Amino acid sequence: MASKGKQDTPQRRLDGEQQELLHHIGARLRSLRERRGVSRAKAAAAINLSVQAYSNREAGTTEIKAFEVVILADLLGIDPAVLFDGAGDIWPGAGYPMQAPDGEPGRAAEVEEFLYHLERIRDPILRRDVADAIKALARAVNDPG
């Protein structure tokens, strides 16, 4: 019986950093998919691939396409950017390093973690209320009067 979905097309040869980046993104995808209880078959069907072709993306042996990232993020209920968390540690060109608002060393990771958790709040009104509460706390702490 023929497998459903498209098969992988031949890929160009990638250098070490590119391959490491693909492995990182694939591992993030697999971890998020498993945590949300989504099967490989369901994820593969969502982007019209065979399970093997999809598995190659999770293994980092095949490049994942932008439209696939968007579709899979929607399936998993996440922001597409979550799949790239930590990518800047592998490939410095993957994005600008996040700086804490006051430039304090070591705070960037704390700020990034907070933003990650804030983004995970699915209700936009609750997310805005939490952000507003944090702003109010910051003003209260920084306002000596």
N, C-alpha and C. Protein backbone atom coordinates (compact mmCIF):
# COMPACT_ATOMS: atom_id res chain seq x y z
N MET A 1 0.84 -1.18 0.00
CA MET A 1 0.00 0.00 0.00
C MET A 1 0.88 1.24 0.00
N ALA A 2 0.61 2.21 -0.82
CA ALA A 2 1.40 3.43 -0.92
C ALA A 2 1.15 4.28 0.32
N SER A 3 2.22 4.97 0.74
CA SER A 3 2.06 5.84 1.92
C SER A 3 1.36 7.12 1.54
N LYS A 4 0.66 7.68 2.49
CA LYS A 4 -0.04 8.94 2.26
C LYS A 4 0.94 10.08 2.34
N GLY A 5 0.65 11.14 1.64
CA GLY A 5 1.45 12.35 1.74
C GLY A 5 2.67 12.32 0.83
N LYS A 6 3.33 13.44 0.80
CA LYS A 6 4.51 13.61 -0.04
C LYS A 6 5.71 12.99 0.65
N GLN A 7 6.68 12.65 -0.16
CA GLN A 7 7.96 12.18 0.33
C GLN A 7 8.95 13.33 0.32
N ASP A 8 10.07 13.17 1.01
CA ASP A 8 11.10 14.20 1.01
C ASP A 8 11.76 14.31 -0.35
N THR A 9 12.13 15.50 -0.70
CA THR A 9 12.91 15.73 -1.91
C THR A 9 14.37 15.78 -1.52
N PRO A 10 15.30 15.49 -2.45
CA PRO A 10 16.72 15.53 -2.11
C PRO A 10 17.10 16.90 -1.56
N GLN A 11 17.94 16.90 -0.55
CA GLN A 11 18.37 18.13 0.11
C GLN A 11 19.80 18.46 -0.27
N ARG A 12 20.14 19.75 -0.24
CA ARG A 12 21.52 20.17 -0.47
C ARG A 12 22.33 19.81 0.77
N ARG A 13 23.63 19.72 0.62
CA ARG A 13 24.52 19.38 1.73
C ARG A 13 24.64 20.57 2.67
N LEU A 14 24.47 20.33 3.96
CA LEU A 14 24.53 21.39 4.96
C LEU A 14 25.83 21.32 5.74
N ASP A 15 26.31 22.49 6.19
CA ASP A 15 27.52 22.48 7.02
C ASP A 15 27.14 22.10 8.45
N GLY A 16 28.14 21.98 9.32
CA GLY A 16 27.92 21.52 10.69
C GLY A 16 26.95 22.35 11.50
N GLU A 17 27.09 23.70 11.44
CA GLU A 17 26.18 24.55 12.20
C GLU A 17 24.76 24.47 11.68
N GLN A 18 24.61 24.39 10.37
CA GLN A 18 23.27 24.27 9.79
C GLN A 18 22.63 22.96 10.22
N GLN A 19 23.41 21.89 10.19
CA GLN A 19 22.88 20.58 10.58
C GLN A 19 22.50 20.58 12.06
N GLU A 20 23.34 21.20 12.88
CA GLU A 20 23.05 21.28 14.32
C GLU A 20 21.76 22.07 14.56
N LEU A 21 21.57 23.12 13.79
CA LEU A 21 20.35 23.93 13.91
C LEU A 21 19.12 23.10 13.53
N LEU A 22 19.22 22.33 12.44
CA LEU A 22 18.09 21.47 12.05
C LEU A 22 17.78 20.45 13.13
N HIS A 23 18.81 19.87 13.73
CA HIS A 23 18.59 18.90 14.82
C HIS A 23 17.90 19.56 16.00
N HIS A 24 18.32 20.79 16.32
CA HIS A 24 17.73 21.52 17.45
C HIS A 24 16.24 21.79 17.20
N ILE A 25 15.92 22.30 16.02
CA ILE A 25 14.52 22.62 15.69
C ILE A 25 13.69 21.34 15.67
N GLY A 26 14.23 20.28 15.09
CA GLY A 26 13.52 19.00 15.06
C GLY A 26 13.27 18.45 16.46
N ALA A 27 14.26 18.59 17.33
CA ALA A 27 14.10 18.11 18.71
C ALA A 27 13.05 18.93 19.45
N ARG A 28 13.02 20.25 19.21
CA ARG A 28 11.99 21.11 19.82
C ARG A 28 10.61 20.67 19.34
N LEU A 29 10.50 20.42 18.04
CA LEU A 29 9.23 20.00 17.46
C LEU A 29 8.77 18.69 18.09
N ARG A 30 9.67 17.72 18.17
CA ARG A 30 9.32 16.42 18.75
C ARG A 30 8.90 16.57 20.21
N SER A 31 9.66 17.33 20.99
CA SER A 31 9.35 17.52 22.41
C SER A 31 7.98 18.17 22.60
N LEU A 32 7.73 19.24 21.86
CA LEU A 32 6.44 19.93 21.98
C LEU A 32 5.28 19.04 21.53
N ARG A 33 5.49 18.31 20.44
CA ARG A 33 4.44 17.42 19.94
C ARG A 33 4.11 16.35 20.97
N GLU A 34 5.15 15.74 21.55
CA GLU A 34 4.93 14.69 22.55
C GLU A 34 4.26 15.23 23.80
N ARG A 35 4.70 16.42 24.26
CA ARG A 35 4.09 17.01 25.46
C ARG A 35 2.62 17.31 25.27
N ARG A 36 2.22 17.58 24.05
CA ARG A 36 0.82 17.91 23.78
C ARG A 36 0.02 16.69 23.34
N GLY A 37 0.67 15.52 23.32
CA GLY A 37 -0.03 14.28 23.02
C GLY A 37 -0.48 14.14 21.58
N VAL A 38 0.24 14.76 20.67
CA VAL A 38 -0.10 14.67 19.24
C VAL A 38 0.78 13.59 18.61
N SER A 39 0.16 12.69 17.86
CA SER A 39 0.91 11.61 17.23
C SER A 39 1.70 12.11 16.03
N ARG A 40 2.74 11.38 15.67
CA ARG A 40 3.50 11.70 14.45
C ARG A 40 2.58 11.64 13.23
N ALA A 41 1.69 10.64 13.22
CA ALA A 41 0.78 10.49 12.08
C ALA A 41 -0.12 11.72 11.92
N LYS A 42 -0.63 12.25 13.03
CA LYS A 42 -1.49 13.43 12.95
C LYS A 42 -0.70 14.65 12.49
N ALA A 43 0.51 14.82 13.01
CA ALA A 43 1.36 15.95 12.60
C ALA A 43 1.72 15.83 11.12
N ALA A 44 2.06 14.62 10.68
CA ALA A 44 2.40 14.41 9.28
C ALA A 44 1.21 14.72 8.37
N ALA A 45 0.04 14.26 8.76
CA ALA A 45 -1.17 14.51 7.96
C ALA A 45 -1.47 16.01 7.86
N ALA A 46 -1.20 16.75 8.93
CA ALA A 46 -1.49 18.18 8.94
C ALA A 46 -0.70 18.93 7.86
N ILE A 47 0.51 18.43 7.56
CA ILE A 47 1.33 19.09 6.54
C ILE A 47 1.48 18.24 5.28
N ASN A 48 0.56 17.26 5.14
CA ASN A 48 0.49 16.43 3.94
C ASN A 48 1.80 15.71 3.62
N LEU A 49 2.38 15.08 4.65
CA LEU A 49 3.60 14.30 4.48
C LEU A 49 3.36 12.87 4.96
N SER A 50 4.20 11.96 4.49
CA SER A 50 4.19 10.62 5.05
C SER A 50 4.78 10.71 6.46
N VAL A 51 4.51 9.72 7.28
CA VAL A 51 5.05 9.70 8.64
C VAL A 51 6.57 9.70 8.58
N GLN A 52 7.15 8.97 7.63
CA GLN A 52 8.61 8.92 7.50
C GLN A 52 9.18 10.29 7.14
N ALA A 53 8.55 10.97 6.19
CA ALA A 53 9.03 12.30 5.80
C ALA A 53 8.93 13.27 6.98
N TYR A 54 7.84 13.18 7.74
CA TYR A 54 7.69 14.02 8.92
C TYR A 54 8.76 13.67 9.96
N SER A 55 8.98 12.38 10.18
CA SER A 55 9.98 11.94 11.15
C SER A 55 11.37 12.46 10.80
N ASN A 56 11.66 12.58 9.50
CA ASN A 56 12.95 13.13 9.07
C ASN A 56 13.09 14.59 9.50
N ARG A 57 12.00 15.31 9.56
CA ARG A 57 12.06 16.70 10.03
C ARG A 57 12.35 16.74 11.52
N GLU A 58 11.70 15.88 12.28
CA GLU A 58 11.97 15.82 13.72
C GLU A 58 13.40 15.36 14.00
N ALA A 59 13.92 14.49 13.17
CA ALA A 59 15.29 13.99 13.35
C ALA A 59 16.33 15.01 12.90
N GLY A 60 15.89 16.04 12.19
CA GLY A 60 16.81 17.05 11.71
C GLY A 60 17.57 16.64 10.47
N THR A 61 17.07 15.63 9.76
CA THR A 61 17.74 15.19 8.54
C THR A 61 17.14 15.84 7.29
N THR A 62 16.00 16.49 7.45
CA THR A 62 15.34 17.20 6.36
C THR A 62 14.93 18.58 6.86
N GLU A 63 15.16 19.59 6.04
CA GLU A 63 14.78 20.95 6.42
C GLU A 63 13.26 21.08 6.51
N ILE A 64 12.81 21.79 7.53
CA ILE A 64 11.38 22.05 7.68
C ILE A 64 11.07 23.38 6.98
N LYS A 65 9.99 23.40 6.26
CA LYS A 65 9.60 24.59 5.50
C LYS A 65 8.80 25.55 6.37
N ALA A 66 8.85 26.83 6.00
CA ALA A 66 8.17 27.87 6.79
C ALA A 66 6.68 27.58 6.94
N PHE A 67 6.01 27.20 5.85
CA PHE A 67 4.57 26.94 5.95
C PHE A 67 4.29 25.77 6.87
N GLU A 68 5.22 24.79 6.93
CA GLU A 68 5.04 23.65 7.82
C GLU A 68 5.15 24.10 9.28
N VAL A 69 6.08 25.02 9.56
CA VAL A 69 6.22 25.55 10.91
C VAL A 69 4.92 26.20 11.36
N VAL A 70 4.32 27.00 10.49
CA VAL A 70 3.08 27.71 10.83
C VAL A 70 1.95 26.72 11.08
N ILE A 71 1.80 25.74 10.22
CA ILE A 71 0.72 24.75 10.36
C ILE A 71 0.92 23.91 11.62
N LEU A 72 2.15 23.45 11.85
CA LEU A 72 2.41 22.61 13.02
C LEU A 72 2.26 23.40 14.32
N ALA A 73 2.69 24.65 14.31
CA ALA A 73 2.51 25.49 15.51
C ALA A 73 1.03 25.63 15.83
N ASP A 74 0.22 25.83 14.81
CA ASP A 74 -1.23 25.93 15.02
C ASP A 74 -1.78 24.62 15.58
N LEU A 75 -1.34 23.51 15.01
CA LEU A 75 -1.78 22.19 15.49
C LEU A 75 -1.41 22.00 16.97
N LEU A 76 -0.22 22.47 17.36
CA LEU A 76 0.26 22.29 18.72
C LEU A 76 -0.21 23.38 19.67
N GLY A 77 -0.85 24.42 19.13
CA GLY A 77 -1.35 25.51 19.96
C GLY A 77 -0.24 26.38 20.52
N ILE A 78 0.81 26.60 19.71
CA ILE A 78 1.94 27.41 20.16
C ILE A 78 2.22 28.51 19.15
N ASP A 79 2.98 29.50 19.56
CA ASP A 79 3.48 30.51 18.65
C ASP A 79 4.60 29.86 17.83
N PRO A 80 4.66 30.05 16.52
CA PRO A 80 5.73 29.43 15.73
C PRO A 80 7.13 29.72 16.25
N ALA A 81 7.33 30.87 16.84
CA ALA A 81 8.66 31.24 17.34
C ALA A 81 9.15 30.30 18.44
N VAL A 82 8.24 29.63 19.13
CA VAL A 82 8.62 28.72 20.21
C VAL A 82 9.49 27.58 19.67
N LEU A 83 9.27 27.18 18.43
CA LEU A 83 10.09 26.12 17.84
C LEU A 83 11.55 26.52 17.70
N PHE A 84 11.81 27.81 17.70
CA PHE A 84 13.18 28.30 17.50
C PHE A 84 13.85 28.72 18.80
N ASP A 85 13.19 28.51 19.94
CA ASP A 85 13.80 28.85 21.23
C ASP A 85 15.16 28.17 21.32
N GLY A 86 16.17 28.95 21.68
CA GLY A 86 17.52 28.41 21.83
C GLY A 86 18.32 28.35 20.54
N ALA A 87 17.71 28.65 19.41
CA ALA A 87 18.42 28.56 18.13
C ALA A 87 19.58 29.55 18.07
N GLY A 88 19.44 30.70 18.70
CA GLY A 88 20.51 31.69 18.69
C GLY A 88 21.77 31.21 19.39
N ASP A 89 21.65 30.21 20.28
CA ASP A 89 22.82 29.65 20.94
C ASP A 89 23.63 28.78 19.98
N ILE A 90 22.97 28.24 18.97
CA ILE A 90 23.62 27.37 18.00
C ILE A 90 24.16 28.18 16.83
N TRP A 91 23.33 29.07 16.34
CA TRP A 91 23.67 29.85 15.17
C TRP A 91 23.48 31.32 15.54
N PRO A 92 24.55 32.02 15.82
CA PRO A 92 24.41 33.41 16.24
C PRO A 92 23.65 34.27 15.25
N GLY A 93 23.64 33.91 13.98
CA GLY A 93 22.92 34.68 12.98
C GLY A 93 21.43 34.41 12.98
N ALA A 94 20.95 33.51 13.85
CA ALA A 94 19.53 33.15 13.87
C ALA A 94 18.67 34.25 14.45
N GLY A 95 19.27 35.20 15.10
CA GLY A 95 18.50 36.30 15.68
C GLY A 95 19.40 37.16 16.53
N TYR A 96 18.91 38.30 16.89
CA TYR A 96 19.69 39.18 17.73
C TYR A 96 19.58 38.70 19.16
N PRO A 97 20.67 38.73 19.91
CA PRO A 97 20.57 38.31 21.31
C PRO A 97 19.65 39.25 22.07
N MET A 98 18.79 38.69 22.89
CA MET A 98 17.86 39.50 23.66
C MET A 98 18.61 40.20 24.78
N GLN A 99 18.34 41.47 24.95
CA GLN A 99 18.95 42.25 26.02
C GLN A 99 17.88 42.59 27.05
N ALA A 100 18.24 42.52 28.30
CA ALA A 100 17.33 42.96 29.35
C ALA A 100 17.13 44.46 29.20
N PRO A 101 15.96 44.97 29.57
CA PRO A 101 15.69 46.39 29.39
C PRO A 101 16.74 47.31 30.00
N ASP A 102 17.30 46.93 31.14
CA ASP A 102 18.30 47.80 31.77
C ASP A 102 19.72 47.39 31.41
N GLY A 103 19.88 46.44 30.51
CA GLY A 103 21.20 46.02 30.08
C GLY A 103 21.96 45.18 31.08
N GLU A 104 21.33 44.77 32.16
CA GLU A 104 21.99 43.99 33.19
C GLU A 104 22.37 42.61 32.66
N PRO A 105 23.64 42.21 32.76
CA PRO A 105 24.03 40.87 32.31
C PRO A 105 23.29 39.80 33.11
N GLY A 106 22.93 38.72 32.46
CA GLY A 106 22.26 37.62 33.14
C GLY A 106 20.76 37.75 33.23
N ARG A 107 20.23 38.90 32.94
CA ARG A 107 18.79 39.10 33.03
C ARG A 107 18.09 38.73 31.74
N ALA A 108 18.83 38.66 30.64
CA ALA A 108 18.21 38.38 29.35
C ALA A 108 17.46 37.04 29.38
N ALA A 109 18.06 36.03 29.97
CA ALA A 109 17.40 34.73 30.03
C ALA A 109 16.13 34.80 30.88
N GLU A 110 16.18 35.57 31.95
CA GLU A 110 15.00 35.74 32.81
C GLU A 110 13.88 36.44 32.05
N VAL A 111 14.23 37.47 31.31
CA VAL A 111 13.24 38.20 30.51
C VAL A 111 12.66 37.29 29.44
N GLU A 112 13.53 36.54 28.77
CA GLU A 112 13.07 35.64 27.72
C GLU A 112 12.13 34.57 28.28
N GLU A 113 12.46 34.03 29.44
CA GLU A 113 11.60 33.02 30.06
C GLU A 113 10.24 33.61 30.42
N PHE A 114 10.23 34.81 30.98
CA PHE A 114 8.97 35.46 31.32
C PHE A 114 8.11 35.65 30.08
N LEU A 115 8.72 36.16 29.01
CA LEU A 115 7.97 36.39 27.78
C LEU A 115 7.44 35.08 27.20
N TYR A 116 8.22 34.02 27.30
CA TYR A 116 7.80 32.71 26.82
C TYR A 116 6.53 32.27 27.57
N HIS A 117 6.56 32.40 28.89
CA HIS A 117 5.40 31.97 29.68
C HIS A 117 4.20 32.89 29.47
N LEU A 118 4.45 34.18 29.32
CA LEU A 118 3.36 35.11 29.05
C LEU A 118 2.68 34.76 27.73
N GLU A 119 3.47 34.44 26.72
CA GLU A 119 2.92 34.09 25.40
C GLU A 119 2.09 32.81 25.46
N ARG A 120 2.37 31.92 26.39
CA ARG A 120 1.65 30.66 26.50
C ARG A 120 0.23 30.84 27.06
N ILE A 121 -0.06 32.01 27.62
CA ILE A 121 -1.42 32.28 28.10
C ILE A 121 -2.28 32.51 26.86
N ARG A 122 -3.18 31.60 26.61
CA ARG A 122 -3.94 31.62 25.35
C ARG A 122 -5.03 32.69 25.32
N ASP A 123 -5.60 33.02 26.45
CA ASP A 123 -6.66 34.02 26.50
C ASP A 123 -6.02 35.41 26.38
N PRO A 124 -6.29 36.14 25.29
CA PRO A 124 -5.63 37.44 25.08
C PRO A 124 -5.96 38.47 26.15
N ILE A 125 -7.16 38.41 26.70
CA ILE A 125 -7.54 39.37 27.75
C ILE A 125 -6.75 39.08 29.03
N LEU A 126 -6.67 37.80 29.40
CA LEU A 126 -5.90 37.43 30.58
C LEU A 126 -4.42 37.76 30.38
N ARG A 127 -3.89 37.48 29.18
CA ARG A 127 -2.49 37.78 28.88
C ARG A 127 -2.21 39.28 29.04
N ARG A 128 -3.12 40.12 28.53
CA ARG A 128 -2.96 41.57 28.66
C ARG A 128 -3.04 41.98 30.12
N ASP A 129 -3.99 41.40 30.89
CA ASP A 129 -4.13 41.72 32.30
C ASP A 129 -2.88 41.36 33.10
N VAL A 130 -2.29 40.20 32.79
CA VAL A 130 -1.06 39.80 33.48
C VAL A 130 0.07 40.78 33.15
N ALA A 131 0.20 41.14 31.88
CA ALA A 131 1.24 42.10 31.49
C ALA A 131 1.01 43.45 32.17
N ASP A 132 -0.24 43.90 32.23
CA ASP A 132 -0.55 45.17 32.90
C ASP A 132 -0.23 45.10 34.39
N ALA A 133 -0.50 43.96 35.02
CA ALA A 133 -0.20 43.80 36.45
C ALA A 133 1.31 43.86 36.69
N ILE A 134 2.09 43.25 35.81
CA ILE A 134 3.55 43.29 35.95
C ILE A 134 4.05 44.72 35.79
N LYS A 135 3.50 45.45 34.83
CA LYS A 135 3.89 46.85 34.63
C LYS A 135 3.56 47.67 35.87
N ALA A 136 2.38 47.45 36.45
CA ALA A 136 1.98 48.19 37.64
C ALA A 136 2.91 47.87 38.82
N LEU A 137 3.27 46.60 38.98
CA LEU A 137 4.21 46.23 40.04
C LEU A 137 5.56 46.90 39.84
N ALA A 138 6.05 46.91 38.59
CA ALA A 138 7.34 47.54 38.30
C ALA A 138 7.30 49.03 38.62
N ARG A 139 6.20 49.69 38.26
CA ARG A 139 6.07 51.14 38.56
C ARG A 139 6.04 51.36 40.07
N ALA A 140 5.30 50.50 40.80
CA ALA A 140 5.19 50.66 42.25
C ALA A 140 6.54 50.46 42.94
N VAL A 141 7.30 49.51 42.49
CA VAL A 141 8.62 49.22 43.09
C VAL A 141 9.61 50.33 42.76
N ASN A 142 9.52 50.87 41.55
CA ASN A 142 10.49 51.88 41.11
C ASN A 142 10.09 53.31 41.45
N ASP A 143 8.88 53.51 41.94
CA ASP A 143 8.40 54.85 42.29
C ASP A 143 8.55 55.05 43.80
N PRO A 144 9.54 55.82 44.23
CA PRO A 144 9.77 55.97 45.67
C PRO A 144 8.69 56.78 46.37
N GLY A 145 7.88 57.53 45.61
CA GLY A 145 6.90 58.43 46.22
C GLY A 145 5.64 57.77 46.50
